[in-house]
Protein backbone atom coordinates (compact mmCIF):
# COMPACT_ATOMS: atom_id res chain seq x y z
CA MET A 1 130.72 108.07 79.22
CA CYS A 2 128.17 109.33 81.72
CA ARG A 3 129.14 109.10 85.39
CA GLN A 4 126.92 109.43 88.44
CA SER A 5 127.95 113.04 88.95
CA ALA A 6 125.92 116.17 88.35
CA THR A 7 129.03 118.08 87.29
CA VAL A 8 129.46 115.75 84.33
CA CYS A 9 125.84 115.54 83.26
CA LEU A 10 124.78 119.17 83.58
CA THR A 11 126.06 122.27 81.92
CA LYS A 12 125.30 124.06 85.17
CA SER A 13 124.07 122.88 88.52
CA PRO A 14 120.73 124.41 89.61
CA THR A 15 120.27 125.33 93.23
CA ALA A 16 117.73 123.60 95.42
CA ALA A 17 115.50 126.67 95.22
CA GLN A 18 115.62 126.57 91.43
CA ARG A 19 114.71 122.90 91.49
CA GLY A 20 111.67 123.66 93.54
CA VAL A 21 110.24 126.68 91.71
CA SER A 22 111.33 126.43 88.09
CA GLY A 23 109.21 124.71 85.47
CA VAL A 24 109.92 121.33 83.96
CA ALA A 25 111.24 122.83 80.72
CA GLU A 26 113.61 125.11 82.63
CA ARG A 27 114.98 122.19 84.64
CA LEU A 28 115.52 120.16 81.47
CA ALA A 29 117.29 123.08 79.78
CA VAL A 30 120.41 122.50 81.87
CA LEU A 31 120.81 118.94 80.56
CA ARG A 32 123.62 118.25 78.12
CA ASP A 33 122.40 116.84 74.80
CA PRO A 34 124.39 113.65 74.12
CA ARG A 35 123.70 113.71 70.37
CA ASP A 36 125.96 115.10 67.67
CA ARG A 37 125.05 118.65 66.68
CA ARG A 38 124.64 117.67 63.05
CA GLY A 39 121.24 116.38 62.03
CA ARG A 40 119.30 117.35 65.15
CA ARG A 41 115.70 117.98 64.18
CA HIS A 42 114.26 118.10 67.68
CA SER A 43 115.61 119.70 70.82
CA LEU A 44 116.36 117.55 73.85
CA VAL A 45 113.76 119.47 75.87
CA SER A 46 110.95 118.84 73.39
CA VAL A 47 111.75 115.12 73.11
CA VAL A 48 111.92 114.55 76.87
CA LEU A 49 108.74 116.60 77.45
CA THR A 50 107.01 114.45 74.84
CA ALA A 51 108.07 111.32 76.73
CA CYS A 52 106.96 112.83 80.06
CA CYS A 53 103.48 113.64 78.81
CA ALA A 54 103.10 110.29 77.05
CA VAL A 55 103.94 108.41 80.28
CA LEU A 56 101.47 110.65 82.16
CA ALA A 57 98.89 109.56 79.61
CA GLY A 58 99.64 105.92 80.38
CA ALA A 59 102.44 104.96 77.95
CA ARG A 60 104.62 102.13 79.29
CA SER A 61 107.18 101.60 76.50
CA TYR A 62 109.15 103.40 73.80
CA LEU A 63 106.63 102.15 71.26
CA ALA A 64 103.69 103.56 73.22
CA VAL A 65 105.48 106.91 73.69
CA GLY A 66 106.14 107.06 69.94
CA GLN A 67 102.50 106.29 69.14
CA TRP A 68 101.32 109.04 71.49
CA ALA A 69 103.69 111.52 69.82
CA ARG A 70 102.65 110.45 66.32
CA HIS A 71 98.98 111.12 67.04
CA ALA A 72 99.51 114.38 68.94
CA PRO A 73 97.73 117.37 67.31
CA LEU A 74 99.63 120.48 66.21
CA ASP A 75 98.64 122.58 69.21
CA THR A 76 99.99 119.90 71.54
CA LEU A 77 103.27 119.78 69.60
CA ALA A 78 103.51 123.56 69.84
CA ARG A 79 103.13 123.44 73.62
CA LEU A 80 105.81 120.77 73.78
CA GLY A 81 108.22 123.06 71.95
CA VAL A 82 108.43 121.01 68.76
CA ARG A 83 109.99 123.21 66.07
CA ALA A 84 107.92 124.46 63.15
CA VAL A 85 109.64 123.95 59.79
CA GLY A 86 108.98 124.99 56.21
CA PRO A 87 107.03 127.92 54.85
CA LEU A 88 103.80 126.54 56.29
CA GLY A 89 105.24 126.10 59.76
CA VAL A 90 104.43 122.40 59.96
CA ARG A 91 105.39 120.65 63.20
CA ARG A 92 106.43 117.01 63.07
CA ALA A 93 106.58 115.01 66.27
CA PRO A 94 109.82 113.21 67.15
CA SER A 95 109.76 109.63 65.93
CA GLY A 96 109.74 106.63 68.21
CA SER A 97 113.35 105.85 67.25
CA THR A 98 114.45 109.40 68.13
CA ILE A 99 112.75 109.16 71.53
CA ARG A 100 114.27 105.74 72.19
CA ARG A 101 117.77 106.84 71.15
CA LEU A 102 117.71 109.97 73.32
CA LEU A 103 116.34 108.22 76.42
CA THR A 104 119.02 105.56 75.97
CA LEU A 105 121.83 108.13 75.76
CA VAL A 106 120.88 111.02 78.07
CA CYS A 107 122.59 111.02 81.46
CA PRO A 108 120.24 109.54 84.09
CA CYS A 109 121.50 111.59 87.03
CA GLY A 110 120.76 114.75 85.05
CA LEU A 111 117.33 113.56 83.96
CA ALA A 112 116.54 112.70 87.59
CA ASP A 113 116.56 116.45 88.25
CA LEU A 114 113.34 116.48 86.22
CA LEU A 115 111.61 115.21 89.37
CA GLY A 116 112.09 118.67 90.88
CA CYS A 117 110.98 117.92 94.46
CA ASP A 118 113.08 119.62 97.14
CA PRO A 119 113.32 118.02 100.59
CA ALA A 120 114.30 121.29 102.31
CA GLY A 121 111.68 122.23 104.89
CA THR A 122 110.03 118.81 104.88
CA ARG A 123 109.86 116.46 107.85
CA HIS A 124 110.78 113.09 106.37
CA LEU A 125 112.76 111.53 103.52
CA ALA A 126 112.89 107.78 102.83
CA VAL A 127 115.73 106.02 100.98
CA ASP A 128 115.37 102.57 99.44
CA GLY A 129 116.29 100.61 96.34
CA LYS A 130 114.40 98.65 93.67
CA THR A 131 115.47 96.31 90.92
CA ALA A 132 113.96 96.66 87.43
CA ARG A 133 113.77 92.91 86.89
CA GLY A 134 112.93 93.02 83.20
CA SER A 135 116.16 94.88 82.38
CA ARG A 136 118.33 91.81 83.02
CA THR A 137 120.32 90.60 80.00
CA ASP A 138 122.32 87.47 79.20
CA THR A 139 125.54 89.34 79.94
CA GLY A 140 124.53 91.73 82.70
CA PRO A 141 122.38 91.97 85.84
CA ALA A 142 119.13 93.91 86.09
CA ALA A 143 119.34 97.63 86.80
CA HIS A 144 119.13 98.40 90.52
CA LEU A 145 117.81 101.89 91.28
CA LEU A 146 118.22 103.78 94.55
CA SER A 147 115.54 106.41 95.23
CA ALA A 148 114.76 109.13 97.75
CA VAL A 149 111.05 109.78 98.32
CA LEU A 150 109.22 112.41 100.35
CA GLN A 151 106.29 111.62 102.60
CA GLY A 152 103.26 111.36 100.36
CA GLY A 153 105.05 109.52 97.56
CA ARG A 154 106.86 112.32 95.68
CA THR A 155 110.29 111.25 94.41
CA VAL A 156 113.21 113.61 95.03
CA SER A 157 115.95 111.87 93.09
CA GLN A 158 117.16 108.54 91.81
CA LEU A 159 120.39 106.94 90.65
CA ARG A 160 121.44 103.58 89.30
CA VAL A 161 123.63 101.50 91.57
CA PRO A 162 126.74 100.40 89.63
CA ASP A 163 126.93 96.71 88.85
CA LYS A 164 128.86 94.53 91.33
CA THR A 165 128.20 97.04 94.13
CA THR A 166 125.37 97.60 96.61
CA GLU A 167 123.03 100.43 97.54
CA VAL A 168 125.46 101.45 100.28
CA THR A 169 127.84 102.95 97.72
CA GLY A 170 125.16 105.30 96.36
CA PHE A 171 123.65 106.58 99.62
CA THR A 172 125.72 109.76 99.98
CA LYS A 173 125.80 110.40 96.21
CA LEU A 174 122.01 110.32 96.10
CA LEU A 175 121.48 112.81 98.94
CA ALA A 176 124.56 115.03 98.60
CA PRO A 177 123.01 117.70 96.28
CA PHE A 178 120.16 118.52 98.68
CA ASP A 179 119.73 120.66 101.77
CA LEU A 180 118.66 118.19 104.46
CA THR A 181 118.78 120.50 107.46
CA GLY A 182 116.28 119.23 110.02
CA VAL A 183 115.02 116.42 107.75
CA VAL A 184 114.63 112.92 109.24
CA VAL A 185 116.11 110.36 106.84
CA THR A 186 114.82 106.81 107.18
CA ALA A 187 116.39 103.74 105.62
CA ASP A 188 116.21 99.98 105.94
CA ALA A 189 118.74 97.69 107.59
CA LEU A 190 121.07 97.65 104.59
CA HIS A 191 122.10 101.24 105.33
CA ILE A 192 123.07 100.75 108.97
CA HIS A 193 126.52 102.25 108.57
CA ARG A 194 128.25 104.44 111.10
CA ASP A 195 129.77 106.62 108.37
CA HIS A 196 126.30 107.31 106.95
CA ALA A 197 125.01 108.34 110.38
CA ARG A 198 127.95 110.70 110.93
CA TRP A 199 127.57 112.17 107.45
CA LEU A 200 123.86 112.86 107.96
CA VAL A 201 124.20 114.46 111.40
CA GLU A 202 127.54 116.22 111.10
CA GLY A 203 127.69 116.96 107.37
CA LYS A 204 124.05 117.51 106.38
CA LYS A 205 122.63 118.66 109.75
CA ALA A 206 119.90 116.05 109.32
CA HIS A 207 118.49 113.32 111.57
CA TYR A 208 118.20 109.59 111.05
CA LEU A 209 115.84 106.76 111.98
CA LEU A 210 117.34 103.39 111.05
CA VAL A 211 115.82 99.94 111.37
CA ILE A 212 118.14 97.35 112.92
CA LYS A 213 117.97 93.72 111.79
CA ARG A 214 120.19 90.70 112.17
CA ASN A 215 122.67 91.87 109.55
CA GLN A 216 124.08 93.87 112.51
CA PRO A 217 124.06 91.04 115.10
CA THR A 218 126.00 92.85 117.84
CA LEU A 219 123.84 95.96 117.66
CA HIS A 220 120.66 93.90 117.32
CA ASP A 221 121.50 91.82 120.41
CA ALA A 222 122.34 94.97 122.39
CA LEU A 223 118.91 96.42 121.53
CA ARG A 224 117.11 93.20 122.44
CA ALA A 225 118.84 93.20 125.83
CA LEU A 226 117.52 96.63 126.82
CA PRO A 227 114.95 96.67 129.68
CA TRP A 228 111.88 97.02 127.47
CA LYS A 229 109.48 95.61 130.09
CA GLU A 230 110.22 98.57 132.34
CA VAL A 231 109.49 101.17 129.65
CA THR A 232 106.69 103.61 130.37
CA ALA A 233 107.05 105.68 127.18
CA ARG A 234 104.89 103.75 124.74
CA ARG A 235 102.21 104.21 122.09
CA TYR A 236 99.49 101.90 120.77
CA ASP A 237 97.73 102.27 117.41
CA ARG A 238 95.00 100.14 115.89
CA GLU A 239 93.60 100.20 112.39
CA ALA A 240 91.81 98.03 109.87
CA GLY A 241 92.18 98.07 106.11
CA HIS A 242 93.46 96.14 103.10
CA GLY A 243 91.77 93.02 104.42
CA ARG A 244 93.53 92.95 107.78
CA ARG A 245 93.40 94.33 111.28
CA GLU A 246 96.64 95.59 112.78
CA THR A 247 97.79 96.67 116.23
CA ARG A 248 101.14 98.43 116.62
CA SER A 249 102.99 99.26 119.80
CA VAL A 250 106.04 101.52 120.01
CA ARG A 251 108.28 101.70 123.06
CA THR A 252 111.24 104.07 123.31
CA LEU A 253 114.27 104.29 125.56
CA THR A 254 116.91 106.96 125.96
CA VAL A 255 120.33 105.42 125.27
CA THR A 256 123.91 106.60 124.77
CA ALA A 257 126.10 106.47 121.69
CA LEU A 258 128.85 104.92 123.80
CA GLY A 259 126.58 102.21 125.14
CA LEU A 260 125.42 101.08 121.69
CA ASN A 261 128.66 101.97 119.89
CA PHE A 262 126.80 103.94 117.23
CA PRO A 263 127.39 107.64 116.46
CA HIS A 264 124.92 110.26 117.75
CA VAL A 265 122.24 107.74 118.79
CA THR A 266 120.07 109.05 121.64
CA GLN A 267 116.95 106.86 121.45
CA ALA A 268 116.14 103.24 120.74
CA ALA A 269 112.70 101.98 119.77
CA LYS A 270 111.00 98.60 119.86
CA ILE A 271 108.16 98.34 117.34
CA HIS A 272 105.80 95.38 117.62
CA ARG A 273 103.19 94.64 114.95
CA HIS A 274 100.28 92.25 115.45
CA ARG A 275 98.27 91.52 112.28
CA THR A 276 95.12 89.47 111.72
CA ASP A 277 94.03 88.52 108.22
CA LEU A 278 90.28 89.18 108.20
CA LYS A 279 89.65 86.58 105.50
CA THR A 280 91.70 83.64 106.76
CA GLY A 281 92.07 84.55 110.42
CA LYS A 282 95.83 84.05 110.19
CA ILE A 283 97.77 85.94 112.86
CA THR A 284 101.30 87.23 112.33
CA ARG A 285 103.58 89.00 114.78
CA GLU A 286 106.70 91.00 114.01
CA THR A 287 109.13 92.88 116.22
CA VAL A 288 111.73 95.31 114.86
CA TYR A 289 114.17 97.66 116.53
CA ALA A 290 115.19 101.14 115.45
CA ILE A 291 117.68 103.80 116.51
CA THR A 292 117.62 107.56 116.05
CA ASP A 293 119.56 110.67 117.00
CA LEU A 294 116.29 112.43 117.88
CA THR A 295 115.91 113.02 121.60
CA ALA A 296 112.83 112.14 123.62
CA CYS A 297 111.81 115.80 123.50
CA GLU A 298 112.13 115.89 119.71
CA ALA A 299 110.40 112.59 118.98
CA SER A 300 107.81 110.85 121.15
CA PRO A 301 106.87 107.18 120.68
CA GLN A 302 103.97 108.37 118.55
CA ALA A 303 106.28 110.42 116.29
CA ILE A 304 108.72 107.55 115.90
CA GLY A 305 105.87 105.21 115.02
CA GLN A 306 104.64 107.67 112.40
CA LEU A 307 108.12 108.06 110.89
CA SER A 308 108.62 104.31 110.79
CA ARG A 309 105.29 103.82 109.06
CA ALA A 310 105.91 106.73 106.66
CA HIS A 311 109.02 104.97 105.38
CA TRP A 312 106.72 102.60 103.51
CA ASP A 313 105.65 105.47 101.22
CA ILE A 314 108.68 104.58 99.12
CA GLU A 315 107.52 100.97 98.93
CA ALA A 316 104.16 102.25 97.71
CA VAL A 317 105.89 104.15 94.88
CA HIS A 318 107.80 101.01 93.87
CA HIS A 319 104.58 98.99 94.02
CA VAL A 320 102.79 101.46 91.73
CA ARG A 321 105.66 101.39 89.23
CA ASP A 322 105.35 97.60 89.13
CA THR A 323 101.59 97.16 89.07
CA THR A 324 100.35 100.27 87.26
CA PHE A 325 103.26 100.90 84.88
CA GLY A 326 104.45 97.29 84.54
CA GLU A 327 108.06 98.15 85.33
CA ASP A 328 109.19 94.64 86.22
CA ALA A 329 107.70 93.31 82.99
CA SER A 330 109.33 96.04 80.86
CA LYS A 331 112.01 94.76 78.47
CA ILE A 332 113.82 98.11 78.20
CA ARG A 333 117.45 97.12 78.72
CA THR A 334 119.78 99.20 76.53
CA GLY A 335 122.02 101.99 77.79
CA HIS A 336 120.43 104.33 80.32
CA GLY A 337 116.92 103.36 79.21
CA PRO A 338 115.88 101.43 82.36
CA GLU A 339 116.72 104.21 84.81
CA ASN A 340 115.44 107.02 82.56
CA MET A 341 112.08 105.32 82.03
CA ALA A 342 111.88 104.70 85.79
CA THR A 343 112.46 108.44 86.29
CA LEU A 344 109.60 109.25 83.90
CA ARG A 345 107.32 106.87 85.81
CA SER A 346 108.30 108.45 89.13
CA PHE A 347 107.69 111.88 87.60
CA ALA A 348 104.18 110.82 86.57
CA ILE A 349 103.47 109.47 90.07
CA SER A 350 104.78 112.63 91.74
CA THR A 351 102.76 114.84 89.39
CA LEU A 352 99.54 112.96 90.06
CA ARG A 353 100.20 112.92 93.83
CA ALA A 354 100.76 116.67 93.78
CA THR A 355 97.37 117.17 92.15
CA GLY A 356 95.55 115.17 94.82
CA HIS A 357 95.28 111.71 93.26
CA ARG A 358 95.59 109.03 95.93
CA SER A 359 95.11 106.24 93.38
CA ILE A 360 97.61 106.51 90.52
CA ALA A 361 95.62 104.05 88.38
CA THR A 362 92.55 106.28 88.73
CA GLY A 363 94.60 109.36 87.96
CA LEU A 364 96.01 107.81 84.79
CA ARG A 365 92.52 106.89 83.60
CA GLU A 366 91.31 110.45 84.12
CA VAL A 367 94.30 111.82 82.24
CA SER A 368 93.75 109.37 79.38
CA TYR A 369 90.32 110.85 78.71
CA MET A 370 92.09 114.05 77.55
CA SER A 371 95.43 112.50 76.68
CA PHE A 372 96.73 115.37 74.53
CA THR A 373 95.83 118.26 76.83
CA ARG A 374 95.62 117.05 80.43
CA PRO A 375 99.27 115.81 80.69
CA LEU A 376 100.52 119.16 79.46
CA ASP A 377 98.28 121.03 81.90
CA LEU A 378 99.57 118.94 84.82
CA THR A 379 103.16 119.46 83.70
CA GLY A 380 102.65 123.24 83.52
CA LEU A 381 103.24 123.64 79.78
CA LEU A 382 101.45 126.69 78.44
């Protein structure tokens, strides 16, 4: 049975550098094939590459992936690594049932390495979870997936949170394989754990920016009681878009870890958002607090505001998977299918982001116009 451990899923563990520079096929080559050796007609690499390219062309289900493969021309199959058989060297695409069976069986934490993005040398990494609502069954809950996303919407890795547990249990497992030196990790209020903060700063040499809500009442009340009216370090930003006008203010204070009883904290921030709906005129106000180990010299109010806002890049990825790929409506439920299909969707989003597409829906339409060549070009298959 597959466990959430790279040592179980991979025949060898690639380094972070290899993850960043090797091609997709090379990254997939380290995956262990879960099928019996007898009767294999297609390699694991060729089947997964077929699924990757089909999703990049807009496929949302096993059936759609199988249809894309069935109609793929011979030159496309050759680029995907589909084996030529017989004296005439005929290539036959993997069937829909073969694709479905392999994506159901293959270890998800190994397939997540397909994403290939390396956080080393980047400024910011956001961690958050999402539930694939359509994967719920009569006997089991829906799959809950914890992801790490770089600024700009490129997914680094993903794992499924075991049933009857929370995202908290997967936080260190998700980030452990990566070099996070100097990276600022942001997370929502669910991950306000002292052990996580120590692990990031002391173990990974990283930084944190954590939002504090009322699930930590003592810490939240301590932050509210700080002398915010006397603060001179502040930043105001105004912008209009998406049918609303928004004003944000960020105030920061230097604090002590002893005073707030939280490891390595050096700054606290008060972030106030004032939004006006341009259509209805409705006004909403929201105030949140955040803590970080970054000093005032390392992070100004402007920088903290930018990091806080950048955290929502991960929400944008989840939104795209729901609206553009129909993830919540997907009825894929069996085995590792829900998390592996989510990985393929994240791979498609990351690939399109890397090629300059701000709108994933627009990018998918452009790819669909050359559905048997453009996905392979974007994936780097020669």
